[in-house]
Amino acid sequence: MRRYGLTVPFAGGGLGELRPVVEEAVSLGYTDLWSAEADGQDGFTPLALASVWAPSARLGGAIFPAYTRGPALLAMSAASLEQAAPGRFVMGLGASSPAIVERWNGIPFEEPYKRTRDVLRFLNKALTGEKINEKFESFEIQGFRLGVKLDSPPKIMLAALREGMLRLAARESDGAILNWLSTEDAKRVTKIVKDIGPGKETVARLFVAPNADAEQVRAMARFAVNAYVNVPVYKAFHQWLGRDALGETWEKWEAGDRKGAAAAIPDHVVDELVIHGPPEKCREHIAEYVANGIDTPVLAIMPFGIDPLKAMRDLAPGAL
C-alpha cells in the first residue's frame, strides 16, 4: 500500500476547525494523518480527535520529545491512543531540540542520543505490559507496569538526522522519521536505514507550498529554513550532508545577525528544502522523494501565499 500523509492541523489552524479537514483529507485519498509538537497544539490531542473522525486513517506523531514527558507518561499516552485506534497509531519519538526542551520546558538537554535510546528501549518493553525495574544509562525506572491492556503495542519510529540515530532507528525501532532534507539527501539517509534494517519504514515530513510565485515563497520560506538550520542539531545535520552553501548563514547567525542569516540562504537551498511551484511541479517533486527511498511522504503545508485547504486538494493522491 502506498502511503501518503498530511500534517494536521494546518500551521496556525485550530482544533475547532479540524474535523472537516480530517474528513475531507481521507476522502481525497490521504492515508496518514500526522501531528507535530513544538509551540502549538500538543501532538496527542489532534490524533485522538482524528481517531474518531477518520476511522480508517493511520495516525502518527512526529515527534514526541524524549524529555518533555516522563517515560511512564509517554507509555501511558501512547497506549491510550493505541487503544483508541488499534493498529493505526505510530509513536514518533525523538530528541527534539535545546529550544523546545531546555529554553521552553526548563529541562536540561543533555546527551540526547542516550536519552532517546533509553526512552525507546523503555517503551519497547513497557508497551508489551512488562513490569520495569531497570537502571537505564540516563534514568532509572522502579516498579512500573502499564495498566492499559493492548492487543499489540503500537509501532514506534525514531526521528533521526545523522548516522548514529539513523542506525539506532533501523536496529531498535520500526523505522526513521526524517525532516528538512532534499531529494538527494533522501538517497543517502534512507540507504543507511535500509542497509541495517531491510523493510524498515522511512517517513519524511515535506514542507510544501503550491504557489507559482517563486520569489514570494522564497522570501517567506527563508525565515522557516533559517529557524531550523541554525538549531545546533540541524546545523550539524546539514554540515554532515555537506551543505556548505549555508556557511555565510551560520556565520551571520553566530554573530547575532538573524536577518542577515536569513538573507544569506541561497535560492537553491530554499528550493531543495521547500517544495513549491504549481501543484503539478510540487507533485513531481514529492514523487522524487519516493523514488529516492522515502516510503511515506507527509506533507506539511506551509502558509506561503496559499490557501492550505486548496493546497490539500491540489496535492491529494486523487489529483496525481
Foldseek 3Di string as FASTA:
>chain_A
DFAEAAEPDAVVDDPVPCLVVLLVLVVLPHQEYEYEDAPDDHGQVSLLVSCVSPVRHAYEYAADELAQDDLLVLLQSQLVSCVSRPPRYEYEYENDFCCRRCVVRPHDSPPSVQSRLVSLVSSVQQQQQDFDADQGPVGGDHGDGDPRDGPHGHFYAYADQDLVRLLSRLPRGQHYEYEQFFLVVLLVSLCSNCVSHPPRAYEYEAEEEADAPLVLQLVVVLLVVLVQCQGVVNVVRVVVVVPCQLVQLNVCVVVVNSVSSSVSRDSVSSCRRYQYRHLVSSLVRVVSSVVSRHRYYYYRYDVRPDDVSVSSNSNRPNND
